[in-house]
Amino acid sequence: PPNLAELPVGCEFQPRCPRATELCVAERPLLREIAPGRMSACHYAEEVLGV
């Protein structure tokens, strides 16, 4: 698990996410609704929806 005292600047999952890009390293994604009743804080949520 990530060290909560030293979270990365971008997405906190990017160090272990196989889909992480430079955008994930540089910018924390905002929480948004990707489907009715489904929220995500991922830049690529629509691409991985259903995974």
N, C-alpha and C. Protein backbone atom coordinates (compact mmCIF):
# COMPACT_ATOMS: atom_id res chain seq x y z
N PRO A 1 0.83 -1.20 0.00
CA PRO A 1 0.00 0.00 0.00
C PRO A 1 0.87 1.25 0.00
N PRO A 2 0.32 2.36 -0.50
CA PRO A 2 1.11 3.59 -0.52
C PRO A 2 1.33 4.14 0.88
N ASN A 3 2.43 4.84 1.05
CA ASN A 3 2.72 5.52 2.30
C ASN A 3 1.83 6.76 2.35
N LEU A 4 0.87 6.80 3.24
CA LEU A 4 -0.10 7.90 3.29
C LEU A 4 0.53 9.22 3.69
N ALA A 5 1.71 9.18 4.27
CA ALA A 5 2.41 10.42 4.62
C ALA A 5 3.17 11.00 3.42
N GLU A 6 3.36 10.19 2.38
CA GLU A 6 4.12 10.63 1.21
C GLU A 6 3.41 10.22 -0.09
N LEU A 7 2.18 10.68 -0.26
CA LEU A 7 1.45 10.36 -1.48
C LEU A 7 2.09 11.05 -2.67
N PRO A 8 2.07 10.41 -3.83
CA PRO A 8 2.64 11.05 -5.03
C PRO A 8 1.83 12.29 -5.42
N VAL A 9 2.43 13.16 -6.23
CA VAL A 9 1.78 14.39 -6.67
C VAL A 9 0.54 14.09 -7.49
N GLY A 10 0.62 13.16 -8.41
CA GLY A 10 -0.50 12.83 -9.28
C GLY A 10 -1.41 11.80 -8.63
N CYS A 11 -1.88 10.88 -9.44
CA CYS A 11 -2.75 9.82 -8.95
C CYS A 11 -2.00 8.93 -7.97
N GLU A 12 -2.62 8.66 -6.82
CA GLU A 12 -1.93 7.85 -5.81
C GLU A 12 -1.75 6.39 -6.25
N PHE A 13 -2.46 5.97 -7.28
CA PHE A 13 -2.32 4.59 -7.75
C PHE A 13 -1.30 4.44 -8.88
N GLN A 14 -0.80 5.55 -9.43
CA GLN A 14 0.08 5.46 -10.60
C GLN A 14 1.35 4.65 -10.38
N PRO A 15 1.94 4.58 -9.18
CA PRO A 15 3.15 3.77 -9.05
C PRO A 15 2.92 2.28 -9.33
N ARG A 16 1.69 1.80 -9.12
CA ARG A 16 1.42 0.37 -9.32
C ARG A 16 0.36 0.10 -10.39
N CYS A 17 -0.07 1.11 -11.11
CA CYS A 17 -1.09 0.94 -12.14
C CYS A 17 -0.44 0.64 -13.49
N PRO A 18 -0.81 -0.45 -14.15
CA PRO A 18 -0.20 -0.78 -15.44
C PRO A 18 -0.62 0.17 -16.56
N ARG A 19 -1.66 0.96 -16.36
CA ARG A 19 -2.14 1.90 -17.39
C ARG A 19 -1.68 3.33 -17.15
N ALA A 20 -0.89 3.57 -16.13
CA ALA A 20 -0.46 4.92 -15.78
C ALA A 20 0.35 5.56 -16.90
N THR A 21 0.11 6.85 -17.11
CA THR A 21 0.82 7.64 -18.11
C THR A 21 1.44 8.86 -17.43
N GLU A 22 2.09 9.70 -18.20
CA GLU A 22 2.66 10.93 -17.66
C GLU A 22 1.58 11.82 -17.05
N LEU A 23 0.38 11.80 -17.61
CA LEU A 23 -0.73 12.58 -17.05
C LEU A 23 -1.02 12.12 -15.62
N CYS A 24 -1.00 10.83 -15.40
CA CYS A 24 -1.26 10.27 -14.07
C CYS A 24 -0.19 10.68 -13.06
N VAL A 25 1.04 10.79 -13.52
CA VAL A 25 2.16 11.19 -12.66
C VAL A 25 2.04 12.68 -12.30
N ALA A 26 1.60 13.49 -13.25
CA ALA A 26 1.60 14.94 -13.07
C ALA A 26 0.34 15.52 -12.45
N GLU A 27 -0.80 14.88 -12.63
CA GLU A 27 -2.08 15.49 -12.24
C GLU A 27 -3.00 14.48 -11.56
N ARG A 28 -3.47 14.83 -10.37
CA ARG A 28 -4.41 13.97 -9.65
C ARG A 28 -5.77 14.07 -10.33
N PRO A 29 -6.38 12.94 -10.69
CA PRO A 29 -7.69 12.99 -11.34
C PRO A 29 -8.80 13.39 -10.37
N LEU A 30 -9.78 14.08 -10.88
CA LEU A 30 -10.93 14.49 -10.07
C LEU A 30 -11.95 13.36 -10.01
N LEU A 31 -12.66 13.28 -8.90
CA LEU A 31 -13.73 12.30 -8.77
C LEU A 31 -14.90 12.75 -9.63
N ARG A 32 -15.40 11.84 -10.47
CA ARG A 32 -16.52 12.18 -11.36
C ARG A 32 -17.39 10.95 -11.58
N GLU A 33 -18.63 11.20 -11.97
CA GLU A 33 -19.56 10.11 -12.24
C GLU A 33 -19.29 9.59 -13.66
N ILE A 34 -19.03 8.29 -13.78
CA ILE A 34 -18.75 7.70 -15.10
C ILE A 34 -19.91 6.89 -15.62
N ALA A 35 -20.85 6.57 -14.75
CA ALA A 35 -22.09 5.87 -15.09
C ALA A 35 -23.04 6.14 -13.94
N PRO A 36 -24.33 5.97 -14.15
CA PRO A 36 -25.27 6.22 -13.05
C PRO A 36 -24.88 5.44 -11.78
N GLY A 37 -24.60 6.18 -10.73
CA GLY A 37 -24.23 5.57 -9.45
C GLY A 37 -22.80 5.08 -9.36
N ARG A 38 -21.97 5.34 -10.37
CA ARG A 38 -20.57 4.89 -10.37
C ARG A 38 -19.65 6.09 -10.47
N MET A 39 -18.79 6.22 -9.48
CA MET A 39 -17.85 7.32 -9.43
C MET A 39 -16.43 6.79 -9.65
N SER A 40 -15.59 7.63 -10.22
CA SER A 40 -14.20 7.25 -10.44
C SER A 40 -13.31 8.47 -10.38
N ALA A 41 -12.11 8.28 -9.89
CA ALA A 41 -11.08 9.32 -9.91
C ALA A 41 -9.92 8.76 -10.73
N CYS A 42 -10.17 8.53 -12.00
CA CYS A 42 -9.17 7.99 -12.92
C CYS A 42 -9.27 8.74 -14.24
N HIS A 43 -8.12 9.14 -14.79
CA HIS A 43 -8.12 9.83 -16.08
C HIS A 43 -8.66 8.94 -17.20
N TYR A 44 -8.57 7.64 -17.01
CA TYR A 44 -8.92 6.70 -18.08
C TYR A 44 -10.06 5.77 -17.68
N ALA A 45 -10.95 6.25 -16.83
CA ALA A 45 -12.04 5.43 -16.30
C ALA A 45 -12.92 4.83 -17.39
N GLU A 46 -13.24 5.62 -18.41
CA GLU A 46 -14.11 5.11 -19.48
C GLU A 46 -13.43 3.96 -20.23
N GLU A 47 -12.12 4.03 -20.38
CA GLU A 47 -11.38 2.98 -21.09
C GLU A 47 -11.34 1.68 -20.31
N VAL A 48 -11.30 1.76 -18.99
CA VAL A 48 -11.17 0.55 -18.18
C VAL A 48 -12.50 0.12 -17.55
N LEU A 49 -13.57 0.84 -17.85
CA LEU A 49 -14.88 0.48 -17.32
C LEU A 49 -15.20 -0.95 -17.71
N GLY A 50 -15.52 -1.76 -16.74
CA GLY A 50 -15.82 -3.15 -17.01
C GLY A 50 -14.66 -4.09 -16.77
N VAL A 51 -13.48 -3.53 -16.46
CA VAL A 51 -12.32 -4.38 -16.19
C VAL A 51 -12.44 -4.92 -14.79
